[in-house]
Amino acid sequence: MLSNKFSLRTENREGQTIVFVSGELDLEVASQMRAAMEPLMELSDRRLTLNLRDLKYIDSTGIGILISVVKARHARNAPFDVEHVPNNIRKLFDMTGITPFLAKAE
């Protein structure tokens, strides 16, 4: 899924789905991100991992989507984590208080 400044790529591995997010996750591309994540949130038998290595920017809308994913996965008792978070994004996650909810945990 692509826009000029945002892309998603999904990779399935044994027992895990990894979503590689790159570019800028903001209001302009939020509907693309939501549409891609909705069916994945339902897969309670698989670990869902977001790889943010190539994420350059995230705004409050993007953070809201991440919180929605956390809540949906928690409600299904399904594993979810975020990996390879760039330092500038991690600082934002720390300031908003969502870092503990994005850690690897069953």
PDB file of N, CA and C in Angstrom:
ATOM      1  N   MET A   1       0.860  -1.168   0.000  1.00  0.00           N
ATOM      2  CA  MET A   1       0.000   0.000   0.000  1.00  0.00           C
ATOM      3  C   MET A   1       0.905   1.230   0.000  1.00  0.00           C
ATOM      4  N   LEU A   2       0.675   2.158  -0.948  1.00  0.00           N
ATOM      5  CA  LEU A   2       1.617   3.257  -1.141  1.00  0.00           C
ATOM      6  C   LEU A   2       0.928   4.600  -1.292  1.00  0.00           C
ATOM      7  N   SER A   3       1.542   5.611  -0.794  1.00  0.00           N
ATOM      8  CA  SER A   3       1.229   6.983  -1.167  1.00  0.00           C
ATOM      9  C   SER A   3       2.588   7.594  -1.485  1.00  0.00           C
ATOM     10  N   ASN A   4       2.609   8.860  -1.830  1.00  0.00           N
ATOM     11  CA  ASN A   4       3.889   9.481  -2.152  1.00  0.00           C
ATOM     12  C   ASN A   4       4.863   9.477  -0.984  1.00  0.00           C
ATOM     13  N   LYS A   5       4.331   9.504   0.236  1.00  0.00           N
ATOM     14  CA  LYS A   5       5.209   9.639   1.386  1.00  0.00           C
ATOM     15  C   LYS A   5       5.021   8.546   2.439  1.00  0.00           C
ATOM     16  N   PHE A   6       4.259   7.508   2.120  1.00  0.00           N
ATOM     17  CA  PHE A   6       3.920   6.478   3.096  1.00  0.00           C
ATOM     18  C   PHE A   6       3.801   5.133   2.399  1.00  0.00           C
ATOM     19  N   SER A   7       4.310   4.092   3.041  1.00  0.00           N
ATOM     20  CA  SER A   7       4.099   2.752   2.485  1.00  0.00           C
ATOM     21  C   SER A   7       4.040   1.710   3.586  1.00  0.00           C
ATOM     22  N   LEU A   8       3.340   0.629   3.274  1.00  0.00           N
ATOM     23  CA  LEU A   8       3.212  -0.520   4.165  1.00  0.00           C
ATOM     24  C   LEU A   8       3.568  -1.767   3.379  1.00  0.00           C
ATOM     25  N   ARG A   9       4.238  -2.682   4.055  1.00  0.00           N
ATOM     26  CA  ARG A   9       4.518  -3.987   3.466  1.00  0.00           C
ATOM     27  C   ARG A   9       4.288  -5.012   4.558  1.00  0.00           C
ATOM     28  N   THR A  10       3.595  -6.089   4.230  1.00  0.00           N
ATOM     29  CA  THR A  10       3.291  -7.121   5.206  1.00  0.00           C
ATOM     30  C   THR A  10       4.051  -8.392   4.858  1.00  0.00           C
ATOM     31  N   GLU A  11       4.592  -9.014   5.876  1.00  0.00           N
ATOM     32  CA  GLU A  11       5.331 -10.263   5.698  1.00  0.00           C
ATOM     33  C   GLU A  11       4.834 -11.265   6.736  1.00  0.00           C
ATOM     34  N   ASN A  12       4.469 -12.439   6.284  1.00  0.00           N
ATOM     35  CA  ASN A  12       4.023 -13.493   7.193  1.00  0.00           C
ATOM     36  C   ASN A  12       5.159 -14.471   7.434  1.00  0.00           C
ATOM     37  N   ARG A  13       5.415 -14.710   8.705  1.00  0.00           N
ATOM     38  CA  ARG A  13       6.393 -15.708   9.135  1.00  0.00           C
ATOM     39  C   ARG A  13       5.659 -16.680  10.031  1.00  0.00           C
ATOM     40  N   GLU A  14       6.300 -17.730  10.393  1.00  0.00           N
ATOM     41  CA  GLU A  14       5.654 -18.742  11.220  1.00  0.00           C
ATOM     42  C   GLU A  14       5.093 -18.130  12.506  1.00  0.00           C
ATOM     43  N   GLY A  15       3.773 -18.108  12.607  1.00  0.00           N
ATOM     44  CA  GLY A  15       3.113 -17.602  13.798  1.00  0.00           C
ATOM     45  C   GLY A  15       3.155 -16.101  13.987  1.00  0.00           C
ATOM     46  N   GLN A  16       3.598 -15.359  12.981  1.00  0.00           N
ATOM     47  CA  GLN A  16       3.766 -13.912  13.139  1.00  0.00           C
ATOM     48  C   GLN A  16       3.488 -13.186  11.828  1.00  0.00           C
ATOM     49  N   THR A  17       2.834 -12.039  11.943  1.00  0.00           N
ATOM     50  CA  THR A  17       2.675 -11.122  10.825  1.00  0.00           C
ATOM     51  C   THR A  17       3.416  -9.846  11.168  1.00  0.00           C
ATOM     52  N   ILE A  18       4.321  -9.451  10.289  1.00  0.00           N
ATOM     53  CA  ILE A  18       5.092  -8.225  10.500  1.00  0.00           C
ATOM     54  C   ILE A  18       4.641  -7.201   9.475  1.00  0.00           C
ATOM     55  N   VAL A  19       4.314  -6.014   9.952  1.00  0.00           N
ATOM     56  CA  VAL A  19       3.936  -4.904   9.078  1.00  0.00           C
ATOM     57  C   VAL A  19       5.078  -3.893   9.118  1.00  0.00           C
ATOM     58  N   PHE A  20       5.691  -3.675   7.968  1.00  0.00           N
ATOM     59  CA  PHE A  20       6.784  -2.715   7.835  1.00  0.00           C
ATOM     60  C   PHE A  20       6.179  -1.382   7.422  1.00  0.00           C
ATOM     61  N   VAL A  21       6.322  -0.386   8.270  1.00  0.00           N
ATOM     62  CA  VAL A  21       5.742   0.936   8.046  1.00  0.00           C
ATOM     63  C   VAL A  21       6.879   1.890   7.696  1.00  0.00           C
ATOM     64  N   SER A  22       6.732   2.614   6.595  1.00  0.00           N
ATOM     65  CA  SER A  22       7.775   3.568   6.241  1.00  0.00           C
ATOM     66  C   SER A  22       7.173   4.884   5.768  1.00  0.00           C
ATOM     67  N   GLY A  23       7.966   5.932   5.920  1.00  0.00           N
ATOM     68  CA  GLY A  23       7.526   7.260   5.500  1.00  0.00           C
ATOM     69  C   GLY A  23       6.909   8.035   6.640  1.00  0.00           C
ATOM     70  N   GLU A  24       5.809   8.712   6.347  1.00  0.00           N
ATOM     71  CA  GLU A  24       5.141   9.589   7.308  1.00  0.00           C
ATOM     72  C   GLU A  24       3.727   9.094   7.566  1.00  0.00           C
ATOM     73  N   LEU A  25       3.443   8.772   8.822  1.00  0.00           N
ATOM     74  CA  LEU A  25       2.119   8.317   9.233  1.00  0.00           C
ATOM     75  C   LEU A  25       1.395   9.493   9.874  1.00  0.00           C
ATOM     76  N   ASP A  26       0.499  10.108   9.090  1.00  0.00           N
ATOM     77  CA  ASP A  26      -0.224  11.285   9.565  1.00  0.00           C
ATOM     78  C   ASP A  26      -1.670  11.229   9.094  1.00  0.00           C
ATOM     79  N   LEU A  27      -2.402  12.290   9.337  1.00  0.00           N
ATOM     80  CA  LEU A  27      -3.819  12.348   8.999  1.00  0.00           C
ATOM     81  C   LEU A  27      -4.074  12.018   7.529  1.00  0.00           C
ATOM     82  N   GLU A  28      -3.205  12.470   6.664  1.00  0.00           N
ATOM     83  CA  GLU A  28      -3.389  12.273   5.224  1.00  0.00           C
ATOM     84  C   GLU A  28      -3.432  10.794   4.830  1.00  0.00           C
ATOM     85  N   VAL A  29      -2.698   9.945   5.525  1.00  0.00           N
ATOM     86  CA  VAL A  29      -2.619   8.524   5.166  1.00  0.00           C
ATOM     87  C   VAL A  29      -3.273   7.616   6.210  1.00  0.00           C
ATOM     88  N   ALA A  30      -3.926   8.203   7.194  1.00  0.00           N
ATOM     89  CA  ALA A  30      -4.513   7.428   8.287  1.00  0.00           C
ATOM     90  C   ALA A  30      -5.508   6.383   7.788  1.00  0.00           C
ATOM     91  N   SER A  31      -6.321   6.720   6.803  1.00  0.00           N
ATOM     92  CA  SER A  31      -7.307   5.757   6.307  1.00  0.00           C
ATOM     93  C   SER A  31      -6.626   4.549   5.672  1.00  0.00           C
ATOM     94  N   GLN A  32      -5.495   4.750   5.012  1.00  0.00           N
ATOM     95  CA  GLN A  32      -4.741   3.629   4.441  1.00  0.00           C
ATOM     96  C   GLN A  32      -4.221   2.717   5.546  1.00  0.00           C
ATOM     97  N   MET A  33      -3.683   3.312   6.589  1.00  0.00           N
ATOM     98  CA  MET A  33      -3.145   2.534   7.699  1.00  0.00           C
ATOM     99  C   MET A  33      -4.264   1.762   8.400  1.00  0.00           C
ATOM    100  N   ARG A  34      -5.375   2.422   8.668  1.00  0.00           N
ATOM    101  CA  ARG A  34      -6.503   1.748   9.322  1.00  0.00           C
ATOM    102  C   ARG A  34      -7.001   0.578   8.477  1.00  0.00           C
ATOM    103  N   ALA A  35      -7.169   0.806   7.183  1.00  0.00           N
ATOM    104  CA  ALA A  35      -7.669  -0.242   6.288  1.00  0.00           C
ATOM    105  C   ALA A  35      -6.727  -1.445   6.270  1.00  0.00           C
ATOM    106  N   ALA A  36      -5.446  -1.197   6.303  1.00  0.00           N
ATOM    107  CA  ALA A  36      -4.470  -2.293   6.297  1.00  0.00           C
ATOM    108  C   ALA A  36      -4.451  -3.038   7.632  1.00  0.00           C
ATOM    109  N   MET A  37      -4.629  -2.325   8.735  1.00  0.00           N
ATOM    110  CA  MET A  37      -4.513  -2.932  10.051  1.00  0.00           C
ATOM    111  C   MET A  37      -5.776  -3.661  10.502  1.00  0.00           C
ATOM    112  N   GLU A  38      -6.947  -3.239  10.044  1.00  0.00           N
ATOM    113  CA  GLU A  38      -8.203  -3.837  10.522  1.00  0.00           C
ATOM    114  C   GLU A  38      -8.236  -5.353  10.425  1.00  0.00           C
ATOM    115  N   PRO A  39      -7.984  -5.941   9.259  1.00  0.00           N
ATOM    116  CA  PRO A  39      -8.045  -7.408   9.219  1.00  0.00           C
ATOM    117  C   PRO A  39      -6.948  -8.075  10.043  1.00  0.00           C
ATOM    118  N   LEU A  40      -5.822  -7.428  10.195  1.00  0.00           N
ATOM    119  CA  LEU A  40      -4.723  -8.005  10.964  1.00  0.00           C
ATOM    120  C   LEU A  40      -5.011  -8.006  12.462  1.00  0.00           C
ATOM    121  N   MET A  41      -5.780  -7.032  12.924  1.00  0.00           N
ATOM    122  CA  MET A  41      -6.112  -6.970  14.341  1.00  0.00           C
ATOM    123  C   MET A  41      -6.954  -8.164  14.764  1.00  0.00           C
ATOM    124  N   GLU A  42      -7.676  -8.760  13.811  1.00  0.00           N
ATOM    125  CA  GLU A  42      -8.554  -9.893  14.103  1.00  0.00           C
ATOM    126  C   GLU A  42      -7.798 -11.206  14.256  1.00  0.00           C
ATOM    127  N   LEU A  43      -6.566 -11.291  13.791  1.00  0.00           N
ATOM    128  CA  LEU A  43      -5.798 -12.533  13.793  1.00  0.00           C
ATOM    129  C   LEU A  43      -5.225 -12.818  15.175  1.00  0.00           C
ATOM    130  N   SER A  44      -6.047 -13.318  16.063  1.00  0.00           N
ATOM    131  CA  SER A  44      -5.612 -13.497  17.451  1.00  0.00           C
ATOM    132  C   SER A  44      -4.668 -14.677  17.627  1.00  0.00           C
ATOM    133  N   ASP A  45      -4.565 -15.548  16.634  1.00  0.00           N
ATOM    134  CA  ASP A  45      -3.684 -16.701  16.757  1.00  0.00           C
ATOM    135  C   ASP A  45      -2.256 -16.423  16.284  1.00  0.00           C
ATOM    136  N   ARG A  46      -1.996 -15.199  15.861  1.00  0.00           N
ATOM    137  CA  ARG A  46      -0.673 -14.819  15.358  1.00  0.00           C
ATOM    138  C   ARG A  46      -0.160 -13.586  16.098  1.00  0.00           C
ATOM    139  N   ARG A  47       1.145 -13.526  16.306  1.00  0.00           N
ATOM    140  CA  ARG A  47       1.750 -12.311  16.837  1.00  0.00           C
ATOM    141  C   ARG A  47       1.712 -11.256  15.740  1.00  0.00           C
ATOM    142  N   LEU A  48       1.314 -10.058  16.079  1.00  0.00           N
ATOM    143  CA  LEU A  48       1.323  -8.930  15.154  1.00  0.00           C
ATOM    144  C   LEU A  48       2.435  -7.980  15.588  1.00  0.00           C
ATOM    145  N   THR A  49       3.347  -7.703  14.666  1.00  0.00           N
ATOM    146  CA  THR A  49       4.484  -6.846  14.954  1.00  0.00           C
ATOM    147  C   THR A  49       4.533  -5.711  13.947  1.00  0.00           C
ATOM    148  N   LEU A  50       4.699  -4.496  14.436  1.00  0.00           N
ATOM    149  CA  LEU A  50       4.931  -3.356  13.560  1.00  0.00           C
ATOM    150  C   LEU A  50       6.415  -3.053  13.575  1.00  0.00           C
ATOM    151  N   ASN A  51       7.025  -3.035  12.414  1.00  0.00           N
ATOM    152  CA  ASN A  51       8.422  -2.672  12.270  1.00  0.00           C
ATOM    153  C   ASN A  51       8.456  -1.221  11.795  1.00  0.00           C
ATOM    154  N   LEU A  52       8.978  -0.346  12.637  1.00  0.00           N
ATOM    155  CA  LEU A  52       8.963   1.094  12.350  1.00  0.00           C
ATOM    156  C   LEU A  52      10.324   1.631  11.922  1.00  0.00           C
ATOM    157  N   ARG A  53      11.231   0.764  11.561  1.00  0.00           N
ATOM    158  CA  ARG A  53      12.595   1.187  11.213  1.00  0.00           C
ATOM    159  C   ARG A  53      12.619   2.353  10.228  1.00  0.00           C
ATOM    160  N   ASP A  54      11.741   2.335   9.239  1.00  0.00           N
ATOM    161  CA  ASP A  54      11.751   3.369   8.199  1.00  0.00           C
ATOM    162  C   ASP A  54      10.663   4.422   8.372  1.00  0.00           C
ATOM    163  N   LEU A  55      10.052   4.471   9.561  1.00  0.00           N
ATOM    164  CA  LEU A  55       9.062   5.510   9.833  1.00  0.00           C
ATOM    165  C   LEU A  55       9.800   6.812  10.131  1.00  0.00           C
ATOM    166  N   LYS A  56       9.478   7.849   9.403  1.00  0.00           N
ATOM    167  CA  LYS A  56      10.162   9.143   9.559  1.00  0.00           C
ATOM    168  C   LYS A  56       9.398  10.110  10.462  1.00  0.00           C
ATOM    169  N   TYR A  57       8.069   9.966  10.486  1.00  0.00           N
ATOM    170  CA  TYR A  57       7.234  10.937  11.203  1.00  0.00           C
ATOM    171  C   TYR A  57       5.920  10.262  11.566  1.00  0.00           C
ATOM    172  N   ILE A  58       5.387  10.605  12.736  1.00  0.00           N
ATOM    173  CA  ILE A  58       4.062  10.162  13.133  1.00  0.00           C
ATOM    174  C   ILE A  58       3.392  11.307  13.880  1.00  0.00           C
ATOM    175  N   ASP A  59       2.122  11.566  13.566  1.00  0.00           N
ATOM    176  CA  ASP A  59       1.397  12.623  14.281  1.00  0.00           C
ATOM    177  C   ASP A  59       0.393  11.983  15.235  1.00  0.00           C
ATOM    178  N   SER A  60      -0.437  12.801  15.863  1.00  0.00           N
ATOM    179  CA  SER A  60      -1.383  12.290  16.856  1.00  0.00           C
ATOM    180  C   SER A  60      -2.383  11.313  16.246  1.00  0.00           C
ATOM    181  N   THR A  61      -2.717  11.486  14.987  1.00  0.00           N
ATOM    182  CA  THR A  61      -3.621  10.552  14.324  1.00  0.00           C
ATOM    183  C   THR A  61      -2.967   9.177  14.216  1.00  0.00           C
ATOM    184  N   GLY A  62      -1.702   9.145  13.832  1.00  0.00           N
ATOM    185  CA  GLY A  62      -0.970   7.888  13.746  1.00  0.00           C
ATOM    186  C   GLY A  62      -0.836   7.219  15.101  1.00  0.00           C
ATOM    187  N   ILE A  63      -0.561   8.002  16.129  1.00  0.00           N
ATOM    188  CA  ILE A  63      -0.476   7.456  17.484  1.00  0.00           C
ATOM    189  C   ILE A  63      -1.832   6.889  17.895  1.00  0.00           C
ATOM    190  N   GLY A  64      -2.906   7.577  17.530  1.00  0.00           N
ATOM    191  CA  GLY A  64      -4.251   7.078  17.820  1.00  0.00           C
ATOM    192  C   GLY A  64      -4.510   5.726  17.174  1.00  0.00           C
ATOM    193  N   ILE A  65      -4.016   5.528  15.967  1.00  0.00           N
ATOM    194  CA  ILE A  65      -4.165   4.237  15.299  1.00  0.00           C
ATOM    195  C   ILE A  65      -3.408   3.162  16.067  1.00  0.00           C
ATOM    196  N   LEU A  66      -2.189   3.474  16.496  1.00  0.00           N
ATOM    197  CA  LEU A  66      -1.423   2.501  17.280  1.00  0.00           C
ATOM    198  C   LEU A  66      -2.156   2.126  18.563  1.00  0.00           C
ATOM    199  N   ILE A  67      -2.741   3.102  19.227  1.00  0.00           N
ATOM    200  CA  ILE A  67      -3.491   2.829  20.453  1.00  0.00           C
ATOM    201  C   ILE A  67      -4.697   1.947  20.157  1.00  0.00           C
ATOM    202  N   SER A  68      -5.362   2.178  19.034  1.00  0.00           N
ATOM    203  CA  SER A  68      -6.495   1.331  18.632  1.00  0.00           C
ATOM    204  C   SER A  68      -6.054  -0.108  18.417  1.00  0.00           C
ATOM    205  N   VAL A  69      -4.901  -0.283  17.796  1.00  0.00           N
ATOM    206  CA  VAL A  69      -4.371  -1.634  17.573  1.00  0.00           C
ATOM    207  C   VAL A  69      -4.062  -2.297  18.915  1.00  0.00           C
ATOM    208  N   VAL A  70      -3.405  -1.563  19.819  1.00  0.00           N
ATOM    209  CA  VAL A  70      -3.089  -2.098  21.143  1.00  0.00           C
ATOM    210  C   VAL A  70      -4.365  -2.556  21.836  1.00  0.00           C
ATOM    211  N   LYS A  71      -5.395  -1.724  21.840  1.00  0.00           N
ATOM    212  CA  LYS A  71      -6.657  -2.061  22.506  1.00  0.00           C
ATOM    213  C   LYS A  71      -7.315  -3.279  21.876  1.00  0.00           C
ATOM    214  N   ALA A  72      -7.357  -3.327  20.550  1.00  0.00           N
ATOM    215  CA  ALA A  72      -7.992  -4.449  19.854  1.00  0.00           C
ATOM    216  C   ALA A  72      -7.253  -5.754  20.131  1.00  0.00           C
ATOM    217  N   ARG A  73      -5.926  -5.712  20.096  1.00  0.00           N
ATOM    218  CA  ARG A  73      -5.150  -6.921  20.354  1.00  0.00           C
ATOM    219  C   ARG A  73      -5.295  -7.356  21.810  1.00  0.00           C
ATOM    220  N   HIS A  74      -5.302  -6.397  22.725  1.00  0.00           N
ATOM    221  CA  HIS A  74      -5.468  -6.717  24.142  1.00  0.00           C
ATOM    222  C   HIS A  74      -6.836  -7.369  24.385  1.00  0.00           C
ATOM    223  N   ALA A  75      -7.882  -6.837  23.761  1.00  0.00           N
ATOM    224  CA  ALA A  75      -9.234  -7.378  23.935  1.00  0.00           C
ATOM    225  C   ALA A  75      -9.326  -8.822  23.449  1.00  0.00           C
ATOM    226  N   ARG A  76      -8.488  -9.193  22.485  1.00  0.00           N
ATOM    227  CA  ARG A  76      -8.476 -10.555  21.945  1.00  0.00           C
ATOM    228  C   ARG A  76      -7.400 -11.426  22.605  1.00  0.00           C
ATOM    229  N   ASN A  77      -6.713 -10.850  23.589  1.00  0.00           N
ATOM    230  CA  ASN A  77      -5.600 -11.532  24.243  1.00  0.00           C
ATOM    231  C   ASN A  77      -4.592 -12.027  23.201  1.00  0.00           C
ATOM    232  N   ALA A  78      -4.320 -11.174  22.235  1.00  0.00           N
ATOM    233  CA  ALA A  78      -3.444 -11.502  21.110  1.00  0.00           C
ATOM    234  C   ALA A  78      -2.132 -10.732  21.234  1.00  0.00           C
ATOM    235  N   PRO A  79      -1.012 -11.379  20.973  1.00  0.00           N
ATOM    236  CA  PRO A  79       0.285 -10.715  21.109  1.00  0.00           C
ATOM    237  C   PRO A  79       0.503  -9.613  20.073  1.00  0.00           C
ATOM    238  N   PHE A  80       1.073  -8.520  20.544  1.00  0.00           N
ATOM    239  CA  PHE A  80       1.354  -7.368  19.695  1.00  0.00           C
ATOM    240  C   PHE A  80       2.608  -6.671  20.203  1.00  0.00           C
ATOM    241  N   ASP A  81       3.449  -6.237  19.283  1.00  0.00           N
ATOM    242  CA  ASP A  81       4.607  -5.443  19.678  1.00  0.00           C
ATOM    243  C   ASP A  81       5.062  -4.564  18.523  1.00  0.00           C
ATOM    244  N   VAL A  82       5.943  -3.658  18.879  1.00  0.00           N
ATOM    245  CA  VAL A  82       6.527  -2.729  17.914  1.00  0.00           C
ATOM    246  C   VAL A  82       8.033  -2.888  18.020  1.00  0.00           C
ATOM    247  N   GLU A  83       8.707  -2.947  16.862  1.00  0.00           N
ATOM    248  CA  GLU A  83      10.153  -3.131  16.878  1.00  0.00           C
ATOM    249  C   GLU A  83      10.847  -2.094  16.014  1.00  0.00           C
ATOM    250  N   HIS A  84      12.132  -1.918  16.278  1.00  0.00           N
ATOM    251  CA  HIS A  84      12.998  -1.020  15.505  1.00  0.00           C
ATOM    252  C   HIS A  84      12.428   0.394  15.402  1.00  0.00           C
ATOM    253  N   VAL A  85      12.106   0.955  16.555  1.00  0.00           N
ATOM    254  CA  VAL A  85      11.539   2.301  16.618  1.00  0.00           C
ATOM    255  C   VAL A  85      12.674   3.317  16.540  1.00  0.00           C
ATOM    256  N   PRO A  86      12.633   4.221  15.561  1.00  0.00           N
ATOM    257  CA  PRO A  86      13.668   5.262  15.475  1.00  0.00           C
ATOM    258  C   PRO A  86      13.676   6.133  16.739  1.00  0.00           C
ATOM    259  N   ASN A  87      14.830   6.661  17.079  1.00  0.00           N
ATOM    260  CA  ASN A  87      14.969   7.447  18.313  1.00  0.00           C
ATOM    261  C   ASN A  87      13.998   8.615  18.398  1.00  0.00           C
ATOM    262  N   ASN A  88      13.801   9.346  17.297  1.00  0.00           N
ATOM    263  CA  ASN A  88      12.895  10.498  17.356  1.00  0.00           C
ATOM    264  C   ASN A  88      11.455  10.064  17.601  1.00  0.00           C
ATOM    265  N   ILE A  89      11.070   8.913  17.070  1.00  0.00           N
ATOM    266  CA  ILE A  89       9.715   8.393  17.284  1.00  0.00           C
ATOM    267  C   ILE A  89       9.599   7.851  18.709  1.00  0.00           C
ATOM    268  N   ARG A  90      10.637   7.154  19.181  1.00  0.00           N
ATOM    269  CA  ARG A  90      10.626   6.627  20.550  1.00  0.00           C
ATOM    270  C   ARG A  90      10.472   7.752  21.572  1.00  0.00           C
ATOM    271  N   LYS A  91      11.137   8.879  21.350  1.00  0.00           N
ATOM    272  CA  LYS A  91      11.001  10.020  22.260  1.00  0.00           C
ATOM    273  C   LYS A  91       9.550  10.493  22.320  1.00  0.00           C
ATOM    274  N   LEU A  92       8.891  10.528  21.181  1.00  0.00           N
ATOM    275  CA  LEU A  92       7.485  10.930  21.131  1.00  0.00           C
ATOM    276  C   LEU A  92       6.615   9.914  21.870  1.00  0.00           C
ATOM    277  N   PHE A  93       6.883   8.620  21.657  1.00  0.00           N
ATOM    278  CA  PHE A  93       6.144   7.577  22.371  1.00  0.00           C
ATOM    279  C   PHE A  93       6.360   7.710  23.876  1.00  0.00           C
ATOM    280  N   ASP A  94       7.590   7.999  24.284  1.00  0.00           N
ATOM    281  CA  ASP A  94       7.889   8.182  25.708  1.00  0.00           C
ATOM    282  C   ASP A  94       7.132   9.375  26.281  1.00  0.00           C
ATOM    283  N   MET A  95       7.126  10.490  25.544  1.00  0.00           N
ATOM    284  CA  MET A  95       6.447  11.704  26.022  1.00  0.00           C
ATOM    285  C   MET A  95       4.936  11.495  26.133  1.00  0.00           C
ATOM    286  N   THR A  96       4.368  10.714  25.241  1.00  0.00           N
ATOM    287  CA  THR A  96       2.917  10.488  25.268  1.00  0.00           C
ATOM    288  C   THR A  96       2.525   9.356  26.210  1.00  0.00           C
ATOM    289  N   GLY A  97       3.523   8.603  26.692  1.00  0.00           N
ATOM    290  CA  GLY A  97       3.249   7.546  27.662  1.00  0.00           C
ATOM    291  C   GLY A  97       2.816   6.218  27.072  1.00  0.00           C
ATOM    292  N   ILE A  98       2.954   6.024  25.779  1.00  0.00           N
ATOM    293  CA  ILE A  98       2.483   4.765  25.186  1.00  0.00           C
ATOM    294  C   ILE A  98       3.581   3.699  25.075  1.00  0.00           C
ATOM    295  N   THR A  99       4.814   4.049  25.351  1.00  0.00           N
ATOM    296  CA  THR A  99       5.918   3.086  25.205  1.00  0.00           C
ATOM    297  C   THR A  99       5.667   1.768  25.919  1.00  0.00           C
ATOM    298  N   PRO A 100       5.204   1.750  27.170  1.00  0.00           N
ATOM    299  CA  PRO A 100       5.007   0.460  27.856  1.00  0.00           C
ATOM    300  C   PRO A 100       3.995  -0.461  27.158  1.00  0.00           C
ATOM    301  N   PHE A 101       3.071   0.104  26.424  1.00  0.00           N
ATOM    302  CA  PHE A 101       2.044  -0.686  25.752  1.00  0.00           C
ATOM    303  C   PHE A 101       2.523  -1.273  24.427  1.00  0.00           C
ATOM    304  N   LEU A 102       3.691  -0.835  23.977  1.00  0.00           N
ATOM    305  CA  LEU A 102       4.217  -1.276  22.690  1.00  0.00           C
ATOM    306  C   LEU A 102       5.345  -2.290  22.841  1.00  0.00           C
ATOM    307  N   ALA A 103       5.682  -2.644  24.067  1.00  0.00           N
ATOM    308  CA  ALA A 103       6.787  -3.560  24.316  1.00  0.00           C
ATOM    309  C   ALA A 103       6.383  -4.993  24.010  1.00  0.00           C
ATOM    310  N   LYS A 104       7.381  -5.837  23.753  1.00  0.00           N
ATOM    311  CA  LYS A 104       7.113  -7.247  23.502  1.00  0.00           C
ATOM    312  C   LYS A 104       6.613  -7.876  24.797  1.00  0.00           C
ATOM    313  N   ALA A 105       5.411  -8.410  24.711  1.00  0.00           N
ATOM    314  CA  ALA A 105       4.836  -9.117  25.863  1.00  0.00           C
ATOM    315  C   ALA A 105       3.676  -9.967  25.351  1.00  0.00           C
ATOM    316  N   GLU A 106       3.470 -11.079  25.958  1.00  0.00           N
ATOM    317  CA  GLU A 106       2.361 -11.964  25.567  1.00  0.00           C
ATOM    318  C   GLU A 106       1.079 -11.471  26.194  1.00  0.00           C
TER     319      GLU A 106
END
